[in-house]
Amino acid sequence: MACVRALCVLFMVVIGLLCLTSTGEGLYDCCYTYTKKSLPVKIIKSFTTQKFYEVCDIDAIIFITKKFRVCANPEDKWVKNVLKALR
C-alpha cells in the first residue's frame, strides 16, 4: 500500500513539474530575428503575420516559399512592397 501511495505522489510531482516547465511558446515557431536579404515576389507562395503581443517576442512577416520560411521586418520598405504585390 505504501508503494502505491509513493507512486501516486511521484506521478503528481512529475505532472506538476511538466505543467511548470511547459509554455505556450513551445507550440509556436516564432521569429526571433529578421532576414537581411530581400526576397523576390515570384518565389513567395504565401505569408503570415506574427504579432509581439500574442505569443512571440517581435512583430514579423513570415514569407513562405516552396522550400523555406523567412522572417522579415514589417517596417522594411521591401517587405511593404512585397505585401502590396501579393495582395
C-alpha atoms as a PDB file:
ATOM      1  CA  MET A   1       0.000   0.000   0.000  1.00  0.00           C
ATOM      2  CA  ALA A   2       2.850   2.384   0.794  1.00  0.00           C
ATOM      3  CA  CYS A   3       4.375   1.622  -2.601  1.00  0.00           C
ATOM      4  CA  VAL A   4       1.160   2.614  -4.401  1.00  0.00           C
ATOM      5  CA  ARG A   5       0.951   5.829  -2.384  1.00  0.00           C
ATOM      6  CA  ALA A   6       4.582   6.662  -3.194  1.00  0.00           C
ATOM      7  CA  LEU A   7       3.949   6.072  -6.906  1.00  0.00           C
ATOM      8  CA  CYS A   8       0.893   8.349  -6.804  1.00  0.00           C
ATOM      9  CA  VAL A   9       2.902  11.106  -5.116  1.00  0.00           C
ATOM     10  CA  LEU A  10       5.727  10.691  -7.637  1.00  0.00           C
ATOM     11  CA  PHE A  11       3.251  10.823 -10.519  1.00  0.00           C
ATOM     12  CA  MET A  12       1.694  14.032  -9.169  1.00  0.00           C
ATOM     13  CA  VAL A  13       5.123  15.631  -8.735  1.00  0.00           C
ATOM     14  CA  VAL A  14       6.118  14.753 -12.310  1.00  0.00           C
ATOM     15  CA  ILE A  15       2.836  16.136 -13.690  1.00  0.00           C
ATOM     16  CA  GLY A  16       3.316  19.313 -11.638  1.00  0.00           C
ATOM     17  CA  LEU A  17       6.839  19.788 -12.982  1.00  0.00           C
ATOM     18  CA  LEU A  18       5.655  19.271 -16.548  1.00  0.00           C
ATOM     19  CA  CYS A  19       2.991  21.929 -16.069  1.00  0.00           C
ATOM     20  CA  LEU A  20       5.534  24.389 -14.682  1.00  0.00           C
ATOM     21  CA  THR A  21       8.070  23.870 -17.460  1.00  0.00           C
ATOM     22  CA  SER A  22       5.728  23.876 -20.432  1.00  0.00           C
ATOM     23  CA  THR A  23       4.980  27.238 -22.022  1.00  0.00           C
ATOM     24  CA  GLY A  24       2.777  28.348 -24.873  1.00  0.00           C
ATOM     25  CA  GLU A  25       5.823  29.374 -26.893  1.00  0.00           C
ATOM     26  CA  GLY A  26       6.823  25.755 -27.322  1.00  0.00           C
ATOM     27  CA  LEU A  27       3.795  25.235 -29.534  1.00  0.00           C
ATOM     28  CA  TYR A  28       4.700  28.052 -31.916  1.00  0.00           C
ATOM     29  CA  ASP A  29       7.524  28.548 -34.357  1.00  0.00           C
ATOM     30  CA  CYS A  30       8.439  32.150 -33.538  1.00  0.00           C
ATOM     31  CA  CYS A  31      10.726  34.510 -35.430  1.00  0.00           C
ATOM     32  CA  TYR A  32      13.490  35.939 -33.248  1.00  0.00           C
ATOM     33  CA  THR A  33      15.471  37.788 -35.927  1.00  0.00           C
ATOM     34  CA  TYR A  34      14.836  39.232 -39.375  1.00  0.00           C
ATOM     35  CA  THR A  35      16.440  38.380 -42.683  1.00  0.00           C
ATOM     36  CA  LYS A  36      18.892  40.925 -44.040  1.00  0.00           C
ATOM     37  CA  LYS A  37      18.165  39.979 -47.667  1.00  0.00           C
ATOM     38  CA  SER A  38      15.062  40.787 -49.656  1.00  0.00           C
ATOM     39  CA  LEU A  39      13.118  38.060 -51.439  1.00  0.00           C
ATOM     40  CA  PRO A  40      11.786  38.175 -54.990  1.00  0.00           C
ATOM     41  CA  VAL A  41       7.981  38.149 -55.071  1.00  0.00           C
ATOM     42  CA  LYS A  42       7.893  35.265 -57.551  1.00  0.00           C
ATOM     43  CA  ILE A  43       9.257  32.714 -55.046  1.00  0.00           C
ATOM     44  CA  ILE A  44       6.819  33.621 -52.258  1.00  0.00           C
ATOM     45  CA  LYS A  45       3.814  31.298 -52.047  1.00  0.00           C
ATOM     46  CA  SER A  46       2.111  32.975 -49.074  1.00  0.00           C
ATOM     47  CA  PHE A  47       2.782  34.829 -45.854  1.00  0.00           C
ATOM     48  CA  THR A  48       1.585  35.055 -42.281  1.00  0.00           C
ATOM     49  CA  THR A  49       1.842  37.740 -39.639  1.00  0.00           C
ATOM     50  CA  GLN A  50       3.433  37.365 -36.219  1.00  0.00           C
ATOM     51  CA  LYS A  51       2.476  39.902 -33.524  1.00  0.00           C
ATOM     52  CA  PHE A  52       4.613  40.574 -30.447  1.00  0.00           C
ATOM     53  CA  TYR A  53       1.602  40.809 -28.148  1.00  0.00           C
ATOM     54  CA  GLU A  54       0.363  37.315 -28.967  1.00  0.00           C
ATOM     55  CA  VAL A  55       2.955  34.636 -28.192  1.00  0.00           C
ATOM     56  CA  CYS A  56       6.240  35.637 -29.811  1.00  0.00           C
ATOM     57  CA  ASP A  57       8.600  38.478 -28.879  1.00  0.00           C
ATOM     58  CA  ILE A  58       8.697  40.528 -32.108  1.00  0.00           C
ATOM     59  CA  ASP A  59       6.401  41.607 -34.924  1.00  0.00           C
ATOM     60  CA  ALA A  60       7.286  39.839 -38.158  1.00  0.00           C
ATOM     61  CA  ILE A  61       6.020  38.930 -41.576  1.00  0.00           C
ATOM     62  CA  ILE A  62       6.761  35.283 -42.287  1.00  0.00           C
ATOM     63  CA  PHE A  63       7.136  34.670 -46.006  1.00  0.00           C
ATOM     64  CA  ILE A  64       6.538  31.075 -47.025  1.00  0.00           C
ATOM     65  CA  THR A  65       8.265  29.741 -50.115  1.00  0.00           C
ATOM     66  CA  LYS A  66       8.285  26.268 -51.604  1.00  0.00           C
ATOM     67  CA  LYS A  67      11.425  25.333 -49.655  1.00  0.00           C
ATOM     68  CA  PHE A  68      11.617  27.522 -46.546  1.00  0.00           C
ATOM     69  CA  ARG A  69      10.156  30.230 -44.302  1.00  0.00           C
ATOM     70  CA  VAL A  70      11.722  33.680 -43.967  1.00  0.00           C
ATOM     71  CA  CYS A  71      11.151  36.143 -41.135  1.00  0.00           C
ATOM     72  CA  ALA A  72      11.064  39.765 -42.267  1.00  0.00           C
ATOM     73  CA  ASN A  73      10.685  43.121 -40.561  1.00  0.00           C
ATOM     74  CA  PRO A  74       7.221  44.519 -41.355  1.00  0.00           C
ATOM     75  CA  GLU A  75       8.693  48.057 -41.289  1.00  0.00           C
ATOM     76  CA  ASP A  76      11.216  47.399 -44.087  1.00  0.00           C
ATOM     77  CA  LYS A  77      10.359  49.020 -47.411  1.00  0.00           C
ATOM     78  CA  TRP A  78      10.966  45.851 -49.441  1.00  0.00           C
ATOM     79  CA  VAL A  79       8.584  43.925 -47.156  1.00  0.00           C
ATOM     80  CA  LYS A  80       5.842  46.526 -47.656  1.00  0.00           C
ATOM     81  CA  ASN A  81       6.369  46.359 -51.424  1.00  0.00           C
ATOM     82  CA  VAL A  82       6.165  42.563 -51.453  1.00  0.00           C
ATOM     83  CA  LEU A  83       2.983  42.638 -49.364  1.00  0.00           C
ATOM     84  CA  LYS A  84       1.399  45.101 -51.808  1.00  0.00           C
ATOM     85  CA  ALA A  85       2.329  42.842 -54.718  1.00  0.00           C
ATOM     86  CA  LEU A  86       0.885  39.762 -53.001  1.00  0.00           C
ATOM     87  CA  ARG A  87      -2.422  41.394 -52.076  1.00  0.00           C
END
